[in-house]
All heavy atoms as atom14 arrays in JSON, in Angstrom:
{
  "sequence": "GVLADWNEVVGADYMSQTFEQSALDVGNIDGQQLGMPWSMASIT",
  "atom14_mask": [
    [1, 1, 1, 1, 0, 0, 0, 0, 0, 0, 0, 0, 0, 0],
    [1, 1, 1, 1, 1, 1, 1, 0, 0, 0, 0, 0, 0, 0],
    [1, 1, 1, 1, 1, 1, 1, 1, 0, 0, 0, 0, 0, 0],
    [1, 1, 1, 1, 1, 0, 0, 0, 0, 0, 0, 0, 0, 0],
    [1, 1, 1, 1, 1, 1, 1, 1, 0, 0, 0, 0, 0, 0],
    [1, 1, 1, 1, 1, 1, 1, 1, 1, 1, 1, 1, 1, 1],
    [1, 1, 1, 1, 1, 1, 1, 1, 0, 0, 0, 0, 0, 0],
    [1, 1, 1, 1, 1, 1, 1, 1, 1, 0, 0, 0, 0, 0],
    [1, 1, 1, 1, 1, 1, 1, 0, 0, 0, 0, 0, 0, 0],
    [1, 1, 1, 1, 1, 1, 1, 0, 0, 0, 0, 0, 0, 0],
    [1, 1, 1, 1, 0, 0, 0, 0, 0, 0, 0, 0, 0, 0],
    [1, 1, 1, 1, 1, 0, 0, 0, 0, 0, 0, 0, 0, 0],
    [1, 1, 1, 1, 1, 1, 1, 1, 0, 0, 0, 0, 0, 0],
    [1, 1, 1, 1, 1, 1, 1, 1, 1, 1, 1, 1, 0, 0],
    [1, 1, 1, 1, 1, 1, 1, 1, 0, 0, 0, 0, 0, 0],
    [1, 1, 1, 1, 1, 1, 0, 0, 0, 0, 0, 0, 0, 0],
    [1, 1, 1, 1, 1, 1, 1, 1, 1, 0, 0, 0, 0, 0],
    [1, 1, 1, 1, 1, 1, 1, 0, 0, 0, 0, 0, 0, 0],
    [1, 1, 1, 1, 1, 1, 1, 1, 1, 1, 1, 0, 0, 0],
    [1, 1, 1, 1, 1, 1, 1, 1, 1, 0, 0, 0, 0, 0],
    [1, 1, 1, 1, 1, 1, 1, 1, 1, 0, 0, 0, 0, 0],
    [1, 1, 1, 1, 1, 1, 0, 0, 0, 0, 0, 0, 0, 0],
    [1, 1, 1, 1, 1, 0, 0, 0, 0, 0, 0, 0, 0, 0],
    [1, 1, 1, 1, 1, 1, 1, 1, 0, 0, 0, 0, 0, 0],
    [1, 1, 1, 1, 1, 1, 1, 1, 0, 0, 0, 0, 0, 0],
    [1, 1, 1, 1, 1, 1, 1, 0, 0, 0, 0, 0, 0, 0],
    [1, 1, 1, 1, 0, 0, 0, 0, 0, 0, 0, 0, 0, 0],
    [1, 1, 1, 1, 1, 1, 1, 1, 0, 0, 0, 0, 0, 0],
    [1, 1, 1, 1, 1, 1, 1, 1, 0, 0, 0, 0, 0, 0],
    [1, 1, 1, 1, 1, 1, 1, 1, 0, 0, 0, 0, 0, 0],
    [1, 1, 1, 1, 0, 0, 0, 0, 0, 0, 0, 0, 0, 0],
    [1, 1, 1, 1, 1, 1, 1, 1, 1, 0, 0, 0, 0, 0],
    [1, 1, 1, 1, 1, 1, 1, 1, 1, 0, 0, 0, 0, 0],
    [1, 1, 1, 1, 1, 1, 1, 1, 0, 0, 0, 0, 0, 0],
    [1, 1, 1, 1, 0, 0, 0, 0, 0, 0, 0, 0, 0, 0],
    [1, 1, 1, 1, 1, 1, 1, 1, 0, 0, 0, 0, 0, 0],
    [1, 1, 1, 1, 1, 1, 1, 0, 0, 0, 0, 0, 0, 0],
    [1, 1, 1, 1, 1, 1, 1, 1, 1, 1, 1, 1, 1, 1],
    [1, 1, 1, 1, 1, 1, 0, 0, 0, 0, 0, 0, 0, 0],
    [1, 1, 1, 1, 1, 1, 1, 1, 0, 0, 0, 0, 0, 0],
    [1, 1, 1, 1, 1, 0, 0, 0, 0, 0, 0, 0, 0, 0],
    [1, 1, 1, 1, 1, 1, 0, 0, 0, 0, 0, 0, 0, 0],
    [1, 1, 1, 1, 1, 1, 1, 1, 0, 0, 0, 0, 0, 0],
    [1, 1, 1, 1, 1, 1, 1, 0, 0, 0, 0, 0, 0, 0]
  ],
  "atom14_positions": [
    [[-9.83, 12.59, 10.66], [-8.65, 13.41, 10.4], [-7.86, 13.81, 11.63], [-7.19, 14.85, 11.64], [0.0, 0.0, 0.0], [0.0, 0.0, 0.0], [0.0, 0.0, 0.0], [0.0, 0.0, 0.0], [0.0, 0.0, 0.0], [0.0, 0.0, 0.0], [0.0, 0.0, 0.0], [0.0, 0.0, 0.0], [0.0, 0.0, 0.0], [0.0, 0.0, 0.0]],
    [[-7.91, 12.99, 12.69], [-7.24, 13.35, 13.94], [-5.96, 12.56, 14.2], [-5.29, 12.76, 15.22], [-8.2, 13.15, 15.14], [-9.4, 14.07, 15.01], [-8.66, 11.68, 15.25], [0.0, 0.0, 0.0], [0.0, 0.0, 0.0], [0.0, 0.0, 0.0], [0.0, 0.0, 0.0], [0.0, 0.0, 0.0], [0.0, 0.0, 0.0], [0.0, 0.0, 0.0]],
    [[-5.61, 11.65, 13.28], [-4.48, 10.76, 13.53], [-3.18, 11.25, 12.89], [-3.18, 11.84, 11.81], [-4.79, 9.36, 13.01], [-6.02, 8.67, 13.62], [-6.19, 7.27, 13.04], [-5.91, 8.61, 15.15], [0.0, 0.0, 0.0], [0.0, 0.0, 0.0], [0.0, 0.0, 0.0], [0.0, 0.0, 0.0], [0.0, 0.0, 0.0], [0.0, 0.0, 0.0]],
    [[-2.08, 10.98, 13.59], [-0.75, 11.31, 13.08], [-0.23, 10.16, 12.23], [-0.67, 9.02, 12.37], [0.2, 11.57, 14.24], [0.0, 0.0, 0.0], [0.0, 0.0, 0.0], [0.0, 0.0, 0.0], [0.0, 0.0, 0.0], [0.0, 0.0, 0.0], [0.0, 0.0, 0.0], [0.0, 0.0, 0.0], [0.0, 0.0, 0.0], [0.0, 0.0, 0.0]],
    [[0.7, 10.46, 11.34], [1.31, 9.47, 10.47], [2.51, 8.86, 11.2], [3.47, 9.55, 11.53], [1.78, 10.16, 9.18], [2.28, 9.18, 8.13], [2.62, 8.02, 8.49], [2.36, 9.56, 6.95], [0.0, 0.0, 0.0], [0.0, 0.0, 0.0], [0.0, 0.0, 0.0], [0.0, 0.0, 0.0], [0.0, 0.0, 0.0], [0.0, 0.0, 0.0]],
    [[2.45, 7.55, 11.44], [3.55, 6.89, 12.17], [4.87, 7.0, 11.4], [5.94, 6.98, 12.01], [3.22, 5.41, 12.4], [2.28, 5.17, 13.55], [1.0, 4.7, 13.48], [2.55, 5.35, 14.95], [0.46, 4.6, 14.75], [1.39, 4.98, 15.66], [3.66, 5.79, 15.67], [1.3, 5.04, 17.06], [3.58, 5.86, 17.06], [2.42, 5.49, 17.74]],
    [[4.81, 7.1, 10.08], [6.05, 7.26, 9.31], [6.77, 8.54, 9.69], [8.0, 8.62, 9.6], [5.74, 7.27, 7.81], [5.44, 5.88, 7.27], [5.88, 4.88, 7.83], [4.68, 5.81, 6.19], [0.0, 0.0, 0.0], [0.0, 0.0, 0.0], [0.0, 0.0, 0.0], [0.0, 0.0, 0.0], [0.0, 0.0, 0.0], [0.0, 0.0, 0.0]],
    [[6.03, 9.54, 10.12], [6.63, 10.79, 10.56], [7.01, 10.74, 12.04], [7.99, 11.35, 12.46], [5.65, 11.95, 10.33], [5.32, 12.19, 8.85], [4.3, 13.29, 8.66], [3.86, 13.88, 9.68], [3.94, 13.58, 7.5], [0.0, 0.0, 0.0], [0.0, 0.0, 0.0], [0.0, 0.0, 0.0], [0.0, 0.0, 0.0], [0.0, 0.0, 0.0]],
    [[6.24, 10.0, 12.82], [6.48, 9.94, 14.26], [7.69, 9.06, 14.61], [8.54, 9.44, 15.41], [5.23, 9.43, 15.0], [5.49, 9.31, 16.5], [4.05, 10.37, 14.77], [0.0, 0.0, 0.0], [0.0, 0.0, 0.0], [0.0, 0.0, 0.0], [0.0, 0.0, 0.0], [0.0, 0.0, 0.0], [0.0, 0.0, 0.0], [0.0, 0.0, 0.0]],
    [[7.77, 7.86, 14.01], [8.87, 6.95, 14.33], [9.8, 6.71, 13.15], [10.86, 6.11, 13.32], [8.34, 5.59, 14.84], [7.54, 5.76, 16.11], [7.5, 4.9, 13.77], [0.0, 0.0, 0.0], [0.0, 0.0, 0.0], [0.0, 0.0, 0.0], [0.0, 0.0, 0.0], [0.0, 0.0, 0.0], [0.0, 0.0, 0.0], [0.0, 0.0, 0.0]],
    [[9.4, 7.14, 11.96], [10.24, 6.94, 10.78], [9.77, 5.78, 9.93], [9.43, 4.71, 10.46], [0.0, 0.0, 0.0], [0.0, 0.0, 0.0], [0.0, 0.0, 0.0], [0.0, 0.0, 0.0], [0.0, 0.0, 0.0], [0.0, 0.0, 0.0], [0.0, 0.0, 0.0], [0.0, 0.0, 0.0], [0.0, 0.0, 0.0], [0.0, 0.0, 0.0]],
    [[9.74, 5.98, 8.64], [9.29, 4.94, 7.71], [10.21, 3.71, 7.76], [9.75, 2.58, 7.59], [9.23, 5.49, 6.29], [0.0, 0.0, 0.0], [0.0, 0.0, 0.0], [0.0, 0.0, 0.0], [0.0, 0.0, 0.0], [0.0, 0.0, 0.0], [0.0, 0.0, 0.0], [0.0, 0.0, 0.0], [0.0, 0.0, 0.0], [0.0, 0.0, 0.0]],
    [[11.5, 3.93, 8.01], [12.44, 2.8, 8.07], [12.1, 1.87, 9.23], [12.12, 0.64, 9.08], [13.88, 3.31, 8.21], [14.41, 3.91, 6.93], [13.79, 3.68, 5.87], [15.43, 4.62, 6.99], [0.0, 0.0, 0.0], [0.0, 0.0, 0.0], [0.0, 0.0, 0.0], [0.0, 0.0, 0.0], [0.0, 0.0, 0.0], [0.0, 0.0, 0.0]],
    [[11.79, 2.45, 10.39], [11.42, 1.62, 11.54], [10.19, 0.79, 11.22], [10.14, -0.42, 11.52], [11.14, 2.49, 12.77], [10.53, 1.71, 13.92], [11.33, 0.98, 14.79], [9.15, 1.69, 14.12], [10.76, 0.24, 15.83], [8.58, 0.95, 15.14], [9.39, 0.24, 16.0], [8.82, -0.5, 17.02], [0.0, 0.0, 0.0], [0.0, 0.0, 0.0]],
    [[9.2, 1.4, 10.6], [7.95, 0.7, 10.3], [8.19, -0.45, 9.33], [7.73, -1.58, 9.55], [6.93, 1.67, 9.72], [6.51, 2.79, 10.68], [5.68, 2.2, 12.17], [4.1, 1.68, 11.51], [0.0, 0.0, 0.0], [0.0, 0.0, 0.0], [0.0, 0.0, 0.0], [0.0, 0.0, 0.0], [0.0, 0.0, 0.0], [0.0, 0.0, 0.0]],
    [[8.94, -0.2, 8.25], [9.15, -1.25, 7.24], [10.06, -2.36, 7.75], [9.91, -3.52, 7.36], [9.71, -0.63, 5.96], [10.97, -0.04, 6.2], [0.0, 0.0, 0.0], [0.0, 0.0, 0.0], [0.0, 0.0, 0.0], [0.0, 0.0, 0.0], [0.0, 0.0, 0.0], [0.0, 0.0, 0.0], [0.0, 0.0, 0.0], [0.0, 0.0, 0.0]],
    [[11.01, -2.01, 8.6], [11.93, -3.01, 9.13], [11.28, -3.87, 10.22], [11.66, -5.02, 10.43], [13.18, -2.33, 9.69], [14.06, -1.71, 8.62], [15.12, -0.79, 9.19], [15.33, -0.73, 10.41], [15.81, -0.06, 8.32], [0.0, 0.0, 0.0], [0.0, 0.0, 0.0], [0.0, 0.0, 0.0], [0.0, 0.0, 0.0], [0.0, 0.0, 0.0]],
    [[10.29, -3.3, 10.9], [9.69, -3.98, 12.04], [8.5, -4.86, 11.66], [8.3, -5.93, 12.24], [9.24, -2.94, 13.1], [10.36, -2.11, 13.43], [8.73, -3.63, 14.35], [0.0, 0.0, 0.0], [0.0, 0.0, 0.0], [0.0, 0.0, 0.0], [0.0, 0.0, 0.0], [0.0, 0.0, 0.0], [0.0, 0.0, 0.0], [0.0, 0.0, 0.0]],
    [[7.7, -4.43, 10.68], [6.45, -5.1, 10.36], [6.4, -5.58, 8.91], [7.01, -4.98, 8.04], [5.27, -4.16, 10.61], [5.25, -3.56, 11.99], [5.67, -2.25, 12.19], [4.82, -4.28, 13.08], [5.66, -1.67, 13.45], [4.8, -3.72, 14.35], [5.22, -2.42, 14.54], [0.0, 0.0, 0.0], [0.0, 0.0, 0.0], [0.0, 0.0, 0.0]],
    [[5.65, -6.65, 8.69], [5.41, -7.13, 7.34], [4.53, -6.12, 6.59], [3.68, -5.46, 7.19], [4.71, -8.49, 7.35], [5.51, -9.62, 7.97], [6.68, -10.06, 7.09], [6.8, -9.56, 5.97], [7.45, -10.92, 7.55], [0.0, 0.0, 0.0], [0.0, 0.0, 0.0], [0.0, 0.0, 0.0], [0.0, 0.0, 0.0], [0.0, 0.0, 0.0]],
    [[4.72, -6.03, 5.28], [3.96, -5.06, 4.5], [2.46, -5.34, 4.55], [1.64, -4.42, 4.58], [4.44, -5.08, 3.04], [3.84, -3.98, 2.18], [4.15, -2.59, 2.7], [5.28, -2.29, 3.04], [3.12, -1.74, 2.78], [0.0, 0.0, 0.0], [0.0, 0.0, 0.0], [0.0, 0.0, 0.0], [0.0, 0.0, 0.0], [0.0, 0.0, 0.0]],
    [[2.08, -6.62, 4.61], [0.66, -6.97, 4.66], [0.0, -6.42, 5.92], [-1.17, -6.0, 5.88], [0.47, -8.49, 4.61], [1.14, -9.12, 5.69], [0.0, 0.0, 0.0], [0.0, 0.0, 0.0], [0.0, 0.0, 0.0], [0.0, 0.0, 0.0], [0.0, 0.0, 0.0], [0.0, 0.0, 0.0], [0.0, 0.0, 0.0], [0.0, 0.0, 0.0]],
    [[0.76, -6.4, 7.01], [0.22, -5.83, 8.26], [0.17, -4.31, 8.19], [-0.77, -3.68, 8.66], [1.07, -6.28, 9.45], [0.0, 0.0, 0.0], [0.0, 0.0, 0.0], [0.0, 0.0, 0.0], [0.0, 0.0, 0.0], [0.0, 0.0, 0.0], [0.0, 0.0, 0.0], [0.0, 0.0, 0.0], [0.0, 0.0, 0.0], [0.0, 0.0, 0.0]],
    [[1.18, -3.71, 7.58], [1.2, -2.25, 7.44], [0.06, -1.76, 6.56], [-0.54, -0.71, 6.81], [2.53, -1.79, 6.84], [3.77, -1.91, 7.74], [5.03, -1.58, 6.94], [3.65, -1.0, 8.95], [0.0, 0.0, 0.0], [0.0, 0.0, 0.0], [0.0, 0.0, 0.0], [0.0, 0.0, 0.0], [0.0, 0.0, 0.0], [0.0, 0.0, 0.0]],
    [[-0.27, -2.53, 5.54], [-1.32, -2.13, 4.6], [-2.66, -1.92, 5.31], [-3.46, -1.08, 4.88], [-1.49, -3.17, 3.51], [-0.32, -3.17, 2.52], [0.44, -2.19, 2.51], [-0.17, -4.17, 1.79], [0.0, 0.0, 0.0], [0.0, 0.0, 0.0], [0.0, 0.0, 0.0], [0.0, 0.0, 0.0], [0.0, 0.0, 0.0], [0.0, 0.0, 0.0]],
    [[-2.9, -2.67, 6.37], [-4.17, -2.56, 7.08], [-4.34, -1.16, 7.68], [-5.44, -0.62, 7.73], [-4.26, -3.63, 8.19], [-5.56, -3.49, 8.97], [-4.16, -5.02, 7.59], [0.0, 0.0, 0.0], [0.0, 0.0, 0.0], [0.0, 0.0, 0.0], [0.0, 0.0, 0.0], [0.0, 0.0, 0.0], [0.0, 0.0, 0.0], [0.0, 0.0, 0.0]],
    [[-3.24, -0.56, 8.11], [-3.31, 0.76, 8.74], [-2.88, 1.89, 7.86], [-2.63, 3.0, 8.34], [0.0, 0.0, 0.0], [0.0, 0.0, 0.0], [0.0, 0.0, 0.0], [0.0, 0.0, 0.0], [0.0, 0.0, 0.0], [0.0, 0.0, 0.0], [0.0, 0.0, 0.0], [0.0, 0.0, 0.0], [0.0, 0.0, 0.0], [0.0, 0.0, 0.0]],
    [[-2.79, 1.64, 6.56], [-2.33, 2.68, 5.63], [-3.5, 3.21, 4.81], [-4.21, 2.44, 4.16], [-1.25, 2.11, 4.69], [-0.53, 3.2, 3.92], [-1.12, 3.86, 3.08], [0.74, 3.38, 4.21], [0.0, 0.0, 0.0], [0.0, 0.0, 0.0], [0.0, 0.0, 0.0], [0.0, 0.0, 0.0], [0.0, 0.0, 0.0], [0.0, 0.0, 0.0]],
    [[-3.7, 4.51, 4.87], [-4.77, 5.15, 4.1], [-4.17, 6.27, 3.25], [-3.58, 7.21, 3.78], [-5.86, 5.73, 5.02], [-6.55, 4.61, 5.82], [-6.9, 6.49, 4.21], [-7.63, 5.07, 6.75], [0.0, 0.0, 0.0], [0.0, 0.0, 0.0], [0.0, 0.0, 0.0], [0.0, 0.0, 0.0], [0.0, 0.0, 0.0], [0.0, 0.0, 0.0]],
    [[-4.3, 6.13, 1.96], [-3.8, 7.13, 1.01], [-2.33, 7.48, 1.26], [-1.92, 8.64, 1.21], [-4.64, 8.41, 1.09], [-6.09, 8.16, 0.67], [-6.31, 7.27, -0.16], [-6.98, 8.86, 1.19], [0.0, 0.0, 0.0], [0.0, 0.0, 0.0], [0.0, 0.0, 0.0], [0.0, 0.0, 0.0], [0.0, 0.0, 0.0], [0.0, 0.0, 0.0]],
    [[-1.53, 6.45, 1.55], [-0.1, 6.66, 1.73], [0.32, 7.07, 3.12], [1.52, 7.15, 3.41], [0.0, 0.0, 0.0], [0.0, 0.0, 0.0], [0.0, 0.0, 0.0], [0.0, 0.0, 0.0], [0.0, 0.0, 0.0], [0.0, 0.0, 0.0], [0.0, 0.0, 0.0], [0.0, 0.0, 0.0], [0.0, 0.0, 0.0], [0.0, 0.0, 0.0]],
    [[-0.62, 7.32, 3.99], [-0.29, 7.68, 5.37], [-0.43, 6.45, 6.27], [-1.46, 5.78, 6.25], [-1.21, 8.79, 5.88], [-0.97, 10.15, 5.24], [-1.78, 11.22, 5.92], [-3.0, 11.12, 6.04], [-1.12, 12.27, 6.38], [0.0, 0.0, 0.0], [0.0, 0.0, 0.0], [0.0, 0.0, 0.0], [0.0, 0.0, 0.0], [0.0, 0.0, 0.0]],
    [[0.6, 6.19, 7.07], [0.59, 5.05, 7.97], [-0.06, 5.47, 9.29], [0.6, 5.79, 10.27], [2.01, 4.52, 8.21], [2.06, 3.14, 8.84], [1.45, 2.09, 7.93], [1.79, 1.99, 6.76], [0.54, 1.3, 8.46], [0.0, 0.0, 0.0], [0.0, 0.0, 0.0], [0.0, 0.0, 0.0], [0.0, 0.0, 0.0], [0.0, 0.0, 0.0]],
    [[-1.39, 5.47, 9.31], [-2.13, 5.98, 10.46], [-2.29, 4.94, 11.56], [-2.62, 5.29, 12.69], [-3.5, 6.48, 10.01], [-3.48, 7.58, 8.93], [-4.9, 7.99, 8.58], [-2.66, 8.77, 9.38], [0.0, 0.0, 0.0], [0.0, 0.0, 0.0], [0.0, 0.0, 0.0], [0.0, 0.0, 0.0], [0.0, 0.0, 0.0], [0.0, 0.0, 0.0]],
    [[-2.06, 3.68, 11.24], [-2.15, 2.63, 12.24], [-0.87, 1.83, 12.32], [-0.31, 1.46, 11.3], [0.0, 0.0, 0.0], [0.0, 0.0, 0.0], [0.0, 0.0, 0.0], [0.0, 0.0, 0.0], [0.0, 0.0, 0.0], [0.0, 0.0, 0.0], [0.0, 0.0, 0.0], [0.0, 0.0, 0.0], [0.0, 0.0, 0.0], [0.0, 0.0, 0.0]],
    [[-0.39, 1.6, 13.54], [0.77, 0.73, 13.75], [0.26, -0.66, 14.14], [-0.5, -0.79, 15.1], [1.68, 1.26, 14.86], [2.85, 0.32, 15.17], [3.88, 0.84, 16.58], [4.71, 2.26, 15.89], [0.0, 0.0, 0.0], [0.0, 0.0, 0.0], [0.0, 0.0, 0.0], [0.0, 0.0, 0.0], [0.0, 0.0, 0.0], [0.0, 0.0, 0.0]],
    [[0.63, -1.71, 13.42], [0.18, -3.06, 13.78], [0.57, -3.39, 15.22], [1.69, -3.07, 15.66], [0.93, -3.95, 12.78], [1.28, -3.05, 11.64], [1.54, -1.71, 12.25], [0.0, 0.0, 0.0], [0.0, 0.0, 0.0], [0.0, 0.0, 0.0], [0.0, 0.0, 0.0], [0.0, 0.0, 0.0], [0.0, 0.0, 0.0], [0.0, 0.0, 0.0]],
    [[-0.34, -4.02, 15.92], [-0.03, -4.43, 17.3], [-0.22, -5.93, 17.46], [0.66, -6.64, 17.91], [-0.92, -3.65, 18.28], [-0.58, -3.91, 19.72], [0.58, -4.44, 20.22], [-1.39, -3.64, 20.85], [0.54, -4.52, 21.58], [-0.67, -4.02, 22.01], [-2.66, -3.09, 21.01], [-1.17, -3.88, 23.29], [-3.17, -2.95, 22.31], [-2.43, -3.34, 23.43]],
    [[-1.39, -6.41, 17.12], [-1.64, -7.85, 17.15], [-2.59, -8.15, 16.02], [-3.68, -7.6, 15.97], [-2.26, -8.26, 18.49], [-2.35, -9.66, 18.58], [0.0, 0.0, 0.0], [0.0, 0.0, 0.0], [0.0, 0.0, 0.0], [0.0, 0.0, 0.0], [0.0, 0.0, 0.0], [0.0, 0.0, 0.0], [0.0, 0.0, 0.0], [0.0, 0.0, 0.0]],
    [[-2.17, -9.0, 15.11], [-2.94, -9.16, 13.88], [-2.93, -10.6, 13.39], [-1.91, -11.27, 13.44], [-2.38, -8.23, 12.81], [-3.35, -7.81, 11.75], [-2.73, -6.35, 10.88], [-3.06, -5.07, 12.11], [0.0, 0.0, 0.0], [0.0, 0.0, 0.0], [0.0, 0.0, 0.0], [0.0, 0.0, 0.0], [0.0, 0.0, 0.0], [0.0, 0.0, 0.0]],
    [[-4.06, -11.05, 12.96], [-4.17, -12.38, 12.35], [-5.29, -12.28, 11.33], [-5.49, -11.25, 10.72], [-4.47, -13.43, 13.42], [0.0, 0.0, 0.0], [0.0, 0.0, 0.0], [0.0, 0.0, 0.0], [0.0, 0.0, 0.0], [0.0, 0.0, 0.0], [0.0, 0.0, 0.0], [0.0, 0.0, 0.0], [0.0, 0.0, 0.0], [0.0, 0.0, 0.0]],
    [[-6.07, -13.31, 11.17], [-7.2, -13.22, 10.25], [-8.39, -13.93, 10.86], [-8.25, -14.73, 11.79], [-6.86, -13.86, 8.9], [-6.75, -15.26, 9.03], [0.0, 0.0, 0.0], [0.0, 0.0, 0.0], [0.0, 0.0, 0.0], [0.0, 0.0, 0.0], [0.0, 0.0, 0.0], [0.0, 0.0, 0.0], [0.0, 0.0, 0.0], [0.0, 0.0, 0.0]],
    [[-9.56, -13.61, 10.35], [-10.74, -14.4, 10.68], [-10.79, -15.53, 9.67], [-10.9, -15.29, 8.46], [-12.02, -13.54, 10.61], [-11.99, -12.47, 11.69], [-13.26, -14.42, 10.76], [-13.19, -11.55, 11.68], [0.0, 0.0, 0.0], [0.0, 0.0, 0.0], [0.0, 0.0, 0.0], [0.0, 0.0, 0.0], [0.0, 0.0, 0.0], [0.0, 0.0, 0.0]],
    [[-10.65, -16.72, 10.16], [-10.63, -17.88, 9.27], [-11.54, -18.95, 9.84], [-12.36, -18.68, 10.73], [-9.2, -18.4, 9.09], [-9.18, -19.4, 8.07], [-8.63, -18.99, 10.37], [0.0, 0.0, 0.0], [0.0, 0.0, 0.0], [0.0, 0.0, 0.0], [0.0, 0.0, 0.0], [0.0, 0.0, 0.0], [0.0, 0.0, 0.0], [0.0, 0.0, 0.0]]
  ]
}
């Protein structure tokens, strides 16, 4: 419970315009965007 919501820090518009939703979903918990994607792929 120590993390800030990036949607409040930089704005939800910036987050949605900058990143794909699939990447945002990884850092979203219960509607809060607690993680900003930085470098992401998959284990394949």
